Amino acid sequence: MSYKWLEWAKRIQSLSQAGLTFTKDVYDIERYEELRNISAEIMKEYTGLEMQKVKDLFTSDTGYQTPKIDVRGAVFRNNKILMVREKMDDRWSLPGGFCDVGLSPAENIVKEIKEESGFDVVPTKLLAILDMNKHPHPPQPYHYYKLFIQCEIVGGQEKMGLETKGISFYDKNNLPELSLNRNTVSQIKMLFDFLENPNKEAIFD
């Protein structure tokens, strides 16, 4: 799904942040800060977010801007997939989240699944690397890559975490209301394709 205004705002933000990272000229700094403010105004106008919140999002990131990494776990049991209910929006998602500095993607997904569902898992296969902009997610202020990693349960038990209020396994024809910022119906069904065809090659955008 394409949101041209969002692409423009993020591009302006990226250019302004790169400029603020590398320039030493005081006048150029002012110009790049003005560009960042323009990108924040565009984001506020079309998302309804408060201006200060948008500015906080855009100014909290420093250095040359690159896509952020979101990792999601595909955990199957009895031909159903593990999902957790998010406290933030009361909807369901694959366990996962943004990658923490200092941990590999595999280490991150093990941590996230444990924290959000209580299960101990072992990562077994990278299934897909998707560009969030190329899938029907709602508009977001940053550019994300989404990594989907298949995992097997090796221990633990169902236990809700600080960010979750429900844990369940769903089949592909009976999915709950999804947290679309985190995952889409087409992505969940893509993961079931790997369950049904274990030799299927990884997908990437």
N, C-alpha and C. Protein backbone atom coordinates (compact mmCIF):
# COMPACT_ATOMS: atom_id res chain seq x y z
N MET A 1 0.85 -1.19 0.00
CA MET A 1 0.00 0.00 0.00
C MET A 1 0.89 1.24 0.00
N SER A 2 0.56 2.19 -0.86
CA SER A 2 1.42 3.37 -1.04
C SER A 2 0.79 4.60 -0.41
N TYR A 3 1.55 5.29 0.42
CA TYR A 3 1.17 6.57 0.98
C TYR A 3 2.26 7.56 0.56
N LYS A 4 2.00 8.29 -0.54
CA LYS A 4 3.06 9.15 -1.07
C LYS A 4 3.49 10.20 -0.05
N TRP A 5 2.54 10.76 0.69
CA TRP A 5 2.89 11.78 1.68
C TRP A 5 3.82 11.21 2.73
N LEU A 6 3.60 9.92 3.09
CA LEU A 6 4.44 9.29 4.10
C LEU A 6 5.85 9.06 3.54
N GLU A 7 5.93 8.64 2.28
CA GLU A 7 7.23 8.45 1.65
C GLU A 7 8.00 9.77 1.61
N TRP A 8 7.30 10.86 1.26
CA TRP A 8 7.97 12.17 1.20
C TRP A 8 8.46 12.60 2.58
N ALA A 9 7.59 12.45 3.58
CA ALA A 9 7.95 12.88 4.94
C ALA A 9 9.15 12.10 5.45
N LYS A 10 9.15 10.79 5.23
CA LYS A 10 10.25 9.97 5.73
C LYS A 10 11.55 10.26 4.97
N ARG A 11 11.41 10.55 3.67
CA ARG A 11 12.60 10.88 2.88
C ARG A 11 13.21 12.21 3.34
N ILE A 12 12.34 13.20 3.57
CA ILE A 12 12.83 14.49 4.07
C ILE A 12 13.49 14.31 5.43
N GLN A 13 12.85 13.51 6.30
CA GLN A 13 13.42 13.23 7.61
C GLN A 13 14.79 12.57 7.50
N SER A 14 14.91 11.59 6.60
CA SER A 14 16.17 10.88 6.42
C SER A 14 17.28 11.82 5.94
N LEU A 15 16.95 12.67 4.96
CA LEU A 15 17.94 13.61 4.44
C LEU A 15 18.35 14.63 5.50
N SER A 16 17.38 15.11 6.28
CA SER A 16 17.71 16.09 7.31
C SER A 16 18.58 15.47 8.40
N GLN A 17 18.29 14.22 8.75
CA GLN A 17 19.08 13.57 9.80
C GLN A 17 20.50 13.30 9.33
N ALA A 18 20.63 12.88 8.06
CA ALA A 18 21.97 12.67 7.51
C ALA A 18 22.76 13.98 7.50
N GLY A 19 22.07 15.05 7.10
CA GLY A 19 22.74 16.36 7.09
C GLY A 19 23.17 16.79 8.47
N LEU A 20 22.31 16.61 9.47
CA LEU A 20 22.65 16.99 10.84
C LEU A 20 23.78 16.13 11.39
N THR A 21 23.90 14.91 10.87
CA THR A 21 24.97 14.02 11.33
C THR A 21 26.34 14.44 10.82
N PHE A 22 26.38 14.89 9.56
CA PHE A 22 27.68 15.10 8.93
C PHE A 22 28.11 16.55 8.79
N THR A 23 27.16 17.49 8.79
CA THR A 23 27.56 18.87 8.54
C THR A 23 28.17 19.52 9.79
N LYS A 24 29.08 20.46 9.56
CA LYS A 24 29.68 21.24 10.65
C LYS A 24 29.29 22.72 10.54
N ASP A 25 28.66 23.06 9.42
CA ASP A 25 28.31 24.45 9.16
C ASP A 25 27.06 24.84 9.92
N VAL A 26 27.13 25.92 10.69
CA VAL A 26 26.01 26.33 11.53
C VAL A 26 24.78 26.69 10.72
N TYR A 27 24.97 27.26 9.53
CA TYR A 27 23.82 27.63 8.69
C TYR A 27 23.17 26.39 8.09
N ASP A 28 23.99 25.41 7.71
CA ASP A 28 23.43 24.16 7.19
C ASP A 28 22.65 23.43 8.29
N ILE A 29 23.14 23.50 9.52
CA ILE A 29 22.43 22.87 10.64
C ILE A 29 21.03 23.46 10.76
N GLU A 30 20.94 24.78 10.65
CA GLU A 30 19.63 25.43 10.72
C GLU A 30 18.71 24.96 9.60
N ARG A 31 19.28 24.82 8.40
CA ARG A 31 18.47 24.39 7.25
C ARG A 31 17.98 22.95 7.44
N TYR A 32 18.86 22.07 7.91
CA TYR A 32 18.47 20.68 8.11
C TYR A 32 17.44 20.54 9.24
N GLU A 33 17.56 21.37 10.27
CA GLU A 33 16.57 21.35 11.33
C GLU A 33 15.21 21.81 10.81
N GLU A 34 15.22 22.79 9.90
CA GLU A 34 13.98 23.26 9.29
C GLU A 34 13.35 22.15 8.45
N LEU A 35 14.17 21.42 7.71
CA LEU A 35 13.66 20.29 6.93
C LEU A 35 13.03 19.24 7.84
N ARG A 36 13.67 18.98 8.97
CA ARG A 36 13.12 18.01 9.90
C ARG A 36 11.77 18.49 10.44
N ASN A 37 11.65 19.78 10.70
CA ASN A 37 10.38 20.32 11.16
C ASN A 37 9.30 20.19 10.10
N ILE A 38 9.67 20.40 8.84
CA ILE A 38 8.70 20.24 7.74
C ILE A 38 8.21 18.80 7.67
N SER A 39 9.13 17.86 7.80
CA SER A 39 8.74 16.44 7.75
C SER A 39 7.81 16.11 8.91
N ALA A 40 8.07 16.69 10.08
CA ALA A 40 7.21 16.46 11.24
C ALA A 40 5.83 17.05 11.01
N GLU A 41 5.76 18.22 10.37
CA GLU A 41 4.46 18.85 10.08
C GLU A 41 3.64 17.99 9.12
N ILE A 42 4.30 17.43 8.12
CA ILE A 42 3.60 16.55 7.18
C ILE A 42 3.05 15.34 7.93
N MET A 43 3.87 14.74 8.77
CA MET A 43 3.44 13.56 9.52
C MET A 43 2.26 13.90 10.43
N LYS A 44 2.32 15.03 11.11
CA LYS A 44 1.24 15.44 12.00
C LYS A 44 -0.05 15.64 11.22
N GLU A 45 0.05 16.29 10.07
CA GLU A 45 -1.13 16.63 9.28
C GLU A 45 -1.90 15.39 8.85
N TYR A 46 -1.18 14.31 8.50
CA TYR A 46 -1.84 13.15 7.93
C TYR A 46 -2.06 12.00 8.91
N THR A 47 -1.43 12.05 10.07
CA THR A 47 -1.62 10.96 11.03
C THR A 47 -2.47 11.36 12.22
N GLY A 48 -2.58 12.66 12.48
CA GLY A 48 -3.33 13.10 13.64
C GLY A 48 -2.54 13.04 14.94
N LEU A 49 -1.27 12.62 14.86
CA LEU A 49 -0.43 12.60 16.05
C LEU A 49 -0.14 14.02 16.51
N GLU A 50 0.07 14.19 17.81
CA GLU A 50 0.45 15.50 18.32
C GLU A 50 1.82 15.88 17.79
N MET A 51 2.01 17.16 17.51
CA MET A 51 3.25 17.65 16.94
C MET A 51 4.45 17.29 17.82
N GLN A 52 4.31 17.42 19.13
CA GLN A 52 5.43 17.14 20.02
C GLN A 52 5.81 15.67 19.97
N LYS A 53 4.81 14.80 19.85
CA LYS A 53 5.09 13.37 19.76
C LYS A 53 5.87 13.05 18.49
N VAL A 54 5.45 13.66 17.38
CA VAL A 54 6.15 13.43 16.11
C VAL A 54 7.59 13.94 16.21
N LYS A 55 7.76 15.15 16.78
CA LYS A 55 9.11 15.70 16.92
C LYS A 55 9.97 14.82 17.82
N ASP A 56 9.36 14.28 18.87
CA ASP A 56 10.11 13.40 19.75
C ASP A 56 10.58 12.15 19.01
N LEU A 57 9.70 11.61 18.16
CA LEU A 57 10.07 10.44 17.36
C LEU A 57 11.23 10.76 16.43
N PHE A 58 11.14 11.92 15.78
CA PHE A 58 12.13 12.26 14.77
C PHE A 58 13.46 12.73 15.37
N THR A 59 13.41 13.31 16.55
CA THR A 59 14.65 13.84 17.13
C THR A 59 15.34 12.84 18.05
N SER A 60 14.65 11.76 18.43
CA SER A 60 15.27 10.78 19.32
C SER A 60 16.27 9.91 18.58
N ASP A 61 16.14 9.83 17.27
CA ASP A 61 17.06 9.04 16.46
C ASP A 61 18.23 9.92 16.04
N THR A 62 19.44 9.43 16.21
CA THR A 62 20.62 10.19 15.81
C THR A 62 21.48 9.37 14.88
N GLY A 63 22.39 10.03 14.19
CA GLY A 63 23.24 9.33 13.25
C GLY A 63 22.56 9.14 11.90
N TYR A 64 23.27 8.53 10.98
CA TYR A 64 22.74 8.29 9.64
C TYR A 64 21.57 7.33 9.75
N GLN A 65 20.44 7.70 9.15
CA GLN A 65 19.23 6.91 9.31
C GLN A 65 19.20 5.71 8.38
N THR A 66 18.88 4.55 8.95
CA THR A 66 18.72 3.31 8.19
C THR A 66 17.41 2.66 8.64
N PRO A 67 16.89 1.69 7.87
CA PRO A 67 15.66 1.02 8.29
C PRO A 67 15.83 0.33 9.64
N LYS A 68 14.76 0.33 10.43
CA LYS A 68 14.76 -0.37 11.70
C LYS A 68 14.36 -1.83 11.46
N ILE A 69 14.78 -2.71 12.36
CA ILE A 69 14.53 -4.14 12.20
C ILE A 69 13.49 -4.61 13.22
N ASP A 70 12.43 -5.22 12.70
CA ASP A 70 11.38 -5.83 13.53
C ASP A 70 11.42 -7.33 13.29
N VAL A 71 11.56 -8.12 14.35
CA VAL A 71 11.66 -9.57 14.21
C VAL A 71 10.40 -10.22 14.78
N ARG A 72 9.85 -11.20 14.06
CA ARG A 72 8.62 -11.88 14.47
C ARG A 72 8.83 -13.40 14.41
N GLY A 73 8.28 -14.09 15.42
CA GLY A 73 8.46 -15.53 15.50
C GLY A 73 7.27 -16.30 14.96
N ALA A 74 7.55 -17.32 14.15
CA ALA A 74 6.53 -18.23 13.65
C ALA A 74 6.68 -19.55 14.42
N VAL A 75 5.80 -19.76 15.38
CA VAL A 75 5.85 -20.93 16.25
C VAL A 75 4.58 -21.74 16.03
N PHE A 76 4.73 -22.96 15.54
CA PHE A 76 3.57 -23.80 15.24
C PHE A 76 3.42 -24.94 16.25
N ARG A 77 2.16 -25.26 16.55
CA ARG A 77 1.85 -26.42 17.38
C ARG A 77 0.50 -26.96 16.92
N ASN A 78 0.49 -28.24 16.56
CA ASN A 78 -0.74 -28.88 16.07
C ASN A 78 -1.34 -28.11 14.90
N ASN A 79 -0.46 -27.69 13.99
CA ASN A 79 -0.87 -26.98 12.77
C ASN A 79 -1.52 -25.63 13.05
N LYS A 80 -1.25 -25.07 14.21
CA LYS A 80 -1.72 -23.72 14.55
C LYS A 80 -0.52 -22.85 14.90
N ILE A 81 -0.71 -21.53 14.76
CA ILE A 81 0.41 -20.61 14.97
C ILE A 81 0.21 -19.83 16.28
N LEU A 82 1.30 -19.62 17.00
CA LEU A 82 1.27 -18.90 18.26
C LEU A 82 1.08 -17.41 18.02
N MET A 83 0.12 -16.84 18.76
CA MET A 83 -0.11 -15.40 18.71
C MET A 83 -0.32 -14.87 20.11
N VAL A 84 0.00 -13.59 20.30
CA VAL A 84 -0.18 -12.95 21.60
C VAL A 84 -1.06 -11.72 21.42
N ARG A 85 -1.82 -11.42 22.47
CA ARG A 85 -2.71 -10.27 22.42
C ARG A 85 -2.02 -9.06 23.03
N GLU A 86 -1.89 -8.02 22.24
CA GLU A 86 -1.14 -6.84 22.66
C GLU A 86 -1.98 -5.94 23.57
N LYS A 87 -1.40 -5.52 24.69
CA LYS A 87 -2.10 -4.59 25.57
C LYS A 87 -2.31 -3.23 24.88
N MET A 88 -1.37 -2.85 24.02
CA MET A 88 -1.41 -1.52 23.43
C MET A 88 -2.67 -1.27 22.61
N ASP A 89 -3.08 -2.26 21.81
CA ASP A 89 -4.26 -2.05 20.95
C ASP A 89 -5.30 -3.15 21.08
N ASP A 90 -5.09 -4.10 22.01
CA ASP A 90 -6.05 -5.17 22.28
C ASP A 90 -6.25 -6.08 21.07
N ARG A 91 -5.24 -6.17 20.23
CA ARG A 91 -5.30 -7.03 19.05
C ARG A 91 -4.14 -8.01 19.07
N TRP A 92 -4.14 -8.92 18.10
CA TRP A 92 -3.23 -10.06 18.15
C TRP A 92 -2.07 -9.93 17.16
N SER A 93 -0.93 -10.46 17.58
CA SER A 93 0.25 -10.43 16.70
C SER A 93 1.12 -11.64 16.97
N LEU A 94 2.01 -11.90 16.04
CA LEU A 94 3.09 -12.85 16.28
C LEU A 94 3.98 -12.28 17.38
N PRO A 95 4.49 -13.10 18.28
CA PRO A 95 5.42 -12.57 19.28
C PRO A 95 6.65 -12.00 18.59
N GLY A 96 7.14 -10.89 19.12
CA GLY A 96 8.32 -10.27 18.53
C GLY A 96 8.39 -8.79 18.86
N GLY A 97 9.29 -8.10 18.17
CA GLY A 97 9.45 -6.68 18.40
C GLY A 97 10.73 -6.18 17.75
N PHE A 98 11.10 -4.95 18.10
CA PHE A 98 12.31 -4.36 17.52
C PHE A 98 13.55 -5.05 18.08
N CYS A 99 14.54 -5.20 17.23
CA CYS A 99 15.79 -5.83 17.66
C CYS A 99 16.56 -4.91 18.60
N ASP A 100 17.04 -5.48 19.68
CA ASP A 100 17.87 -4.74 20.63
C ASP A 100 19.33 -4.76 20.19
N VAL A 101 20.02 -3.65 20.42
CA VAL A 101 21.45 -3.59 20.14
C VAL A 101 22.18 -4.61 21.01
N GLY A 102 23.13 -5.31 20.42
CA GLY A 102 23.92 -6.28 21.17
C GLY A 102 23.42 -7.71 21.04
N LEU A 103 22.23 -7.89 20.45
CA LEU A 103 21.69 -9.22 20.25
C LEU A 103 21.50 -9.47 18.76
N SER A 104 21.71 -10.71 18.34
CA SER A 104 21.47 -11.09 16.95
C SER A 104 19.96 -11.23 16.73
N PRO A 105 19.51 -11.29 15.47
CA PRO A 105 18.07 -11.51 15.24
C PRO A 105 17.56 -12.78 15.92
N ALA A 106 18.34 -13.88 15.86
CA ALA A 106 17.92 -15.13 16.50
C ALA A 106 17.82 -14.95 18.01
N GLU A 107 18.80 -14.29 18.61
CA GLU A 107 18.77 -14.06 20.05
C GLU A 107 17.60 -13.16 20.43
N ASN A 108 17.30 -12.18 19.59
CA ASN A 108 16.18 -11.29 19.85
C ASN A 108 14.85 -12.03 19.85
N ILE A 109 14.65 -12.92 18.88
CA ILE A 109 13.35 -13.58 18.81
C ILE A 109 13.17 -14.56 19.96
N VAL A 110 14.24 -15.21 20.38
CA VAL A 110 14.16 -16.09 21.55
C VAL A 110 13.74 -15.29 22.78
N LYS A 111 14.35 -14.12 22.95
CA LYS A 111 14.02 -13.25 24.09
C LYS A 111 12.58 -12.77 24.03
N GLU A 112 12.15 -12.30 22.85
CA GLU A 112 10.81 -11.75 22.70
C GLU A 112 9.73 -12.81 22.95
N ILE A 113 9.93 -14.00 22.41
CA ILE A 113 8.93 -15.06 22.59
C ILE A 113 8.83 -15.45 24.05
N LYS A 114 9.96 -15.54 24.73
CA LYS A 114 9.96 -15.86 26.15
C LYS A 114 9.23 -14.78 26.94
N GLU A 115 9.54 -13.52 26.67
CA GLU A 115 8.95 -12.42 27.42
C GLU A 115 7.45 -12.27 27.18
N GLU A 116 7.01 -12.55 25.94
CA GLU A 116 5.61 -12.29 25.58
C GLU A 116 4.70 -13.49 25.74
N SER A 117 5.27 -14.71 25.71
CA SER A 117 4.41 -15.90 25.78
C SER A 117 4.80 -16.89 26.87
N GLY A 118 6.03 -16.80 27.36
CA GLY A 118 6.50 -17.74 28.38
C GLY A 118 7.19 -18.97 27.83
N PHE A 119 7.16 -19.17 26.52
CA PHE A 119 7.75 -20.37 25.93
C PHE A 119 9.25 -20.19 25.67
N ASP A 120 10.00 -21.27 25.89
CA ASP A 120 11.41 -21.34 25.49
C ASP A 120 11.44 -21.91 24.09
N VAL A 121 12.15 -21.26 23.18
CA VAL A 121 12.19 -21.72 21.79
C VAL A 121 13.62 -21.77 21.25
N VAL A 122 13.73 -22.52 20.16
CA VAL A 122 14.98 -22.57 19.40
C VAL A 122 14.67 -22.13 17.97
N PRO A 123 15.36 -21.11 17.45
CA PRO A 123 15.14 -20.70 16.05
C PRO A 123 15.63 -21.79 15.10
N THR A 124 14.84 -22.07 14.06
CA THR A 124 15.20 -23.13 13.13
C THR A 124 15.37 -22.68 11.69
N LYS A 125 14.68 -21.60 11.29
CA LYS A 125 14.76 -21.20 9.88
C LYS A 125 14.31 -19.76 9.70
N LEU A 126 15.05 -19.02 8.89
CA LEU A 126 14.62 -17.69 8.47
C LEU A 126 13.64 -17.86 7.31
N LEU A 127 12.40 -17.41 7.50
CA LEU A 127 11.37 -17.61 6.49
C LEU A 127 11.24 -16.45 5.51
N ALA A 128 11.36 -15.23 6.02
CA ALA A 128 11.12 -14.07 5.13
C ALA A 128 11.75 -12.81 5.70
N ILE A 129 12.16 -11.93 4.78
CA ILE A 129 12.58 -10.57 5.11
C ILE A 129 11.74 -9.65 4.24
N LEU A 130 10.85 -8.90 4.88
CA LEU A 130 9.90 -8.08 4.14
C LEU A 130 10.10 -6.60 4.44
N ASP A 131 9.88 -5.78 3.43
CA ASP A 131 9.91 -4.33 3.56
C ASP A 131 8.49 -3.88 3.91
N MET A 132 8.34 -3.28 5.09
CA MET A 132 7.01 -2.91 5.56
C MET A 132 6.27 -2.03 4.55
N ASN A 133 6.99 -1.20 3.80
CA ASN A 133 6.36 -0.30 2.84
C ASN A 133 5.68 -1.04 1.70
N LYS A 134 6.02 -2.30 1.50
CA LYS A 134 5.48 -3.06 0.38
C LYS A 134 4.31 -3.96 0.79
N HIS A 135 3.81 -3.74 1.99
CA HIS A 135 2.72 -4.57 2.50
C HIS A 135 1.67 -3.68 3.15
N PRO A 136 0.43 -4.18 3.29
CA PRO A 136 -0.69 -3.31 3.70
C PRO A 136 -0.75 -3.01 5.20
N HIS A 137 0.34 -2.46 5.72
CA HIS A 137 0.35 -1.98 7.09
C HIS A 137 -0.17 -0.53 7.12
N PRO A 138 -0.70 -0.09 8.25
CA PRO A 138 -1.04 1.33 8.40
C PRO A 138 0.23 2.18 8.30
N PRO A 139 0.11 3.46 7.95
CA PRO A 139 1.29 4.32 7.84
C PRO A 139 2.03 4.45 9.17
N GLN A 140 3.37 4.45 9.10
CA GLN A 140 4.20 4.56 10.29
C GLN A 140 5.32 5.58 10.02
N PRO A 141 5.85 6.18 11.08
CA PRO A 141 6.83 7.25 10.89
C PRO A 141 8.20 6.76 10.43
N TYR A 142 8.51 5.51 10.63
CA TYR A 142 9.83 5.00 10.26
C TYR A 142 9.73 3.94 9.17
N HIS A 143 10.85 3.64 8.57
CA HIS A 143 10.96 2.59 7.57
C HIS A 143 11.45 1.33 8.28
N TYR A 144 10.70 0.23 8.14
CA TYR A 144 11.03 -1.01 8.86
C TYR A 144 11.27 -2.17 7.89
N TYR A 145 12.21 -3.03 8.27
CA TYR A 145 12.32 -4.36 7.68
C TYR A 145 11.79 -5.34 8.70
N LYS A 146 11.02 -6.33 8.23
CA LYS A 146 10.44 -7.33 9.12
C LYS A 146 11.05 -8.69 8.84
N LEU A 147 11.63 -9.31 9.87
CA LEU A 147 12.23 -10.63 9.76
C LEU A 147 11.30 -11.64 10.42
N PHE A 148 10.94 -12.69 9.68
CA PHE A 148 10.09 -13.75 10.21
C PHE A 148 10.94 -15.01 10.39
N ILE A 149 11.04 -15.49 11.62
CA ILE A 149 11.91 -16.61 11.95
C ILE A 149 11.07 -17.73 12.54
N GLN A 150 11.16 -18.91 11.96
CA GLN A 150 10.45 -20.07 12.50
C GLN A 150 11.20 -20.60 13.72
N CYS A 151 10.44 -20.95 14.75
CA CYS A 151 11.04 -21.43 16.00
C CYS A 151 10.28 -22.66 16.48
N GLU A 152 10.96 -23.49 17.27
CA GLU A 152 10.33 -24.66 17.89
C GLU A 152 10.33 -24.50 19.40
N ILE A 153 9.22 -24.89 20.02
CA ILE A 153 9.12 -24.84 21.48
C ILE A 153 9.93 -25.99 22.08
N VAL A 154 10.77 -25.65 23.04
CA VAL A 154 11.59 -26.67 23.71
C VAL A 154 11.36 -26.68 25.22
N GLY A 155 10.53 -25.79 25.70
CA GLY A 155 10.27 -25.73 27.14
C GLY A 155 9.41 -24.54 27.50
N GLY A 156 9.31 -24.29 28.79
CA GLY A 156 8.52 -23.18 29.28
C GLY A 156 7.04 -23.49 29.27
N GLN A 157 6.23 -22.51 29.63
CA GLN A 157 4.78 -22.66 29.63
C GLN A 157 4.14 -21.30 29.41
N GLU A 158 2.88 -21.33 29.01
CA GLU A 158 2.18 -20.08 28.71
C GLU A 158 2.23 -19.13 29.90
N LYS A 159 2.71 -17.91 29.63
CA LYS A 159 2.79 -16.89 30.67
C LYS A 159 2.79 -15.52 30.00
N MET A 160 1.81 -14.71 30.32
CA MET A 160 1.71 -13.39 29.71
C MET A 160 2.81 -12.47 30.22
N GLY A 161 3.25 -11.56 29.34
CA GLY A 161 4.31 -10.64 29.70
C GLY A 161 3.78 -9.25 30.00
N LEU A 162 4.69 -8.30 30.15
CA LEU A 162 4.31 -6.93 30.48
C LEU A 162 3.50 -6.27 29.36
N GLU A 163 3.73 -6.71 28.11
CA GLU A 163 3.07 -6.06 26.98
C GLU A 163 1.93 -6.90 26.41
N THR A 164 1.68 -8.07 26.97
CA THR A 164 0.66 -8.97 26.41
C THR A 164 -0.43 -9.29 27.43
N LYS A 165 -1.64 -9.58 26.91
CA LYS A 165 -2.77 -9.90 27.78
C LYS A 165 -3.49 -11.16 27.33
N GLY A 166 -2.87 -11.91 26.44
CA GLY A 166 -3.47 -13.16 25.98
C GLY A 166 -2.48 -13.95 25.15
N ILE A 167 -2.61 -15.27 25.18
CA ILE A 167 -1.75 -16.17 24.43
C ILE A 167 -2.62 -17.28 23.87
N SER A 168 -2.49 -17.56 22.57
CA SER A 168 -3.29 -18.63 21.98
C SER A 168 -2.66 -19.09 20.67
N PHE A 169 -3.10 -20.25 20.20
CA PHE A 169 -2.69 -20.77 18.90
C PHE A 169 -3.88 -20.75 17.96
N TYR A 170 -3.67 -20.30 16.71
CA TYR A 170 -4.76 -20.15 15.75
C TYR A 170 -4.43 -20.86 14.45
N ASP A 171 -5.49 -21.42 13.82
CA ASP A 171 -5.28 -21.96 12.47
C ASP A 171 -5.50 -20.85 11.45
N LYS A 172 -5.05 -21.10 10.24
CA LYS A 172 -5.02 -20.02 9.25
C LYS A 172 -6.39 -19.57 8.79
N ASN A 173 -7.41 -20.39 9.01
CA ASN A 173 -8.75 -20.02 8.59
C ASN A 173 -9.60 -19.47 9.73
N ASN A 174 -8.98 -19.23 10.86
CA ASN A 174 -9.72 -18.71 12.02
C ASN A 174 -8.83 -17.73 12.79
N LEU A 175 -8.30 -16.74 12.07
CA LEU A 175 -7.40 -15.79 12.70
C LEU A 175 -8.17 -14.75 13.50
N PRO A 176 -7.59 -14.27 14.60
CA PRO A 176 -8.24 -13.23 15.40
C PRO A 176 -8.06 -11.86 14.74
N GLU A 177 -8.59 -10.83 15.38
CA GLU A 177 -8.37 -9.47 14.88
C GLU A 177 -6.90 -9.11 15.07
N LEU A 178 -6.24 -8.79 13.98
CA LEU A 178 -4.78 -8.62 14.01
C LEU A 178 -4.37 -7.19 14.32
N SER A 179 -3.23 -7.06 14.96
CA SER A 179 -2.57 -5.77 15.14
C SER A 179 -1.81 -5.47 13.86
N LEU A 180 -2.42 -4.70 12.99
CA LEU A 180 -1.89 -4.54 11.63
C LEU A 180 -0.58 -3.76 11.58
N ASN A 181 -0.25 -3.01 12.62
CA ASN A 181 1.07 -2.39 12.66
C ASN A 181 2.16 -3.45 12.73
N ARG A 182 1.81 -4.60 13.27
CA ARG A 182 2.80 -5.65 13.52
C ARG A 182 2.78 -6.77 12.49
N ASN A 183 1.60 -7.16 12.03
CA ASN A 183 1.49 -8.23 11.04
C ASN A 183 0.15 -8.16 10.32
N THR A 184 0.12 -8.71 9.12
CA THR A 184 -1.08 -8.68 8.30
C THR A 184 -1.58 -10.10 8.05
N VAL A 185 -2.81 -10.21 7.59
CA VAL A 185 -3.38 -11.52 7.28
C VAL A 185 -2.54 -12.23 6.22
N SER A 186 -2.15 -11.51 5.18
CA SER A 186 -1.36 -12.14 4.11
C SER A 186 -0.02 -12.65 4.63
N GLN A 187 0.58 -11.96 5.58
CA GLN A 187 1.85 -12.42 6.15
C GLN A 187 1.65 -13.69 6.98
N ILE A 188 0.58 -13.75 7.77
CA ILE A 188 0.32 -14.94 8.57
C ILE A 188 0.09 -16.14 7.66
N LYS A 189 -0.69 -15.93 6.60
CA LYS A 189 -0.96 -17.04 5.68
C LYS A 189 0.30 -17.45 4.92
N MET A 190 1.18 -16.49 4.66
CA MET A 190 2.48 -16.80 4.06
C MET A 190 3.26 -17.77 4.95
N LEU A 191 3.19 -17.55 6.26
CA LEU A 191 3.92 -18.42 7.19
C LEU A 191 3.34 -19.83 7.20
N PHE A 192 2.02 -19.95 7.06
CA PHE A 192 1.42 -21.28 6.98
C PHE A 192 1.88 -22.02 5.72
N ASP A 193 2.20 -21.27 4.66
CA ASP A 193 2.73 -21.91 3.44
C ASP A 193 4.03 -22.66 3.75
N PHE A 194 4.83 -22.08 4.65
CA PHE A 194 6.07 -22.74 5.02
C PHE A 194 5.81 -23.99 5.86
N LEU A 195 4.77 -23.95 6.69
CA LEU A 195 4.40 -25.14 7.47
C LEU A 195 3.97 -26.27 6.55
N GLU A 196 3.21 -25.93 5.52
CA GLU A 196 2.70 -26.94 4.60
C GLU A 196 3.74 -27.39 3.59
N ASN A 197 4.75 -26.56 3.36
CA ASN A 197 5.82 -26.88 2.41
C ASN A 197 7.17 -26.57 3.05
N PRO A 198 7.69 -27.49 3.86
CA PRO A 198 8.94 -27.22 4.61
C PRO A 198 10.14 -26.91 3.73
N ASN A 199 10.10 -27.29 2.46
CA ASN A 199 11.22 -27.03 1.55
C ASN A 199 11.10 -25.69 0.83
N LYS A 200 10.08 -24.96 1.14
CA LYS A 200 9.87 -23.66 0.50
C LYS A 200 11.04 -22.73 0.82
N GLU A 201 11.55 -22.03 -0.19
CA GLU A 201 12.68 -21.13 0.01
C GLU A 201 12.23 -19.83 0.66
N ALA A 202 13.17 -19.22 1.37
CA ALA A 202 12.88 -17.96 2.06
C ALA A 202 12.43 -16.89 1.07
N ILE A 203 11.55 -16.01 1.54
CA ILE A 203 11.01 -14.92 0.73
C ILE A 203 11.65 -13.62 1.16
N PHE A 204 11.95 -12.76 0.17
CA PHE A 204 12.47 -11.43 0.51
C PHE A 204 11.99 -10.42 -0.51
N ASP A 205 11.79 -9.19 -0.06
CA ASP A 205 11.38 -8.09 -0.95
C ASP A 205 12.62 -7.48 -1.61
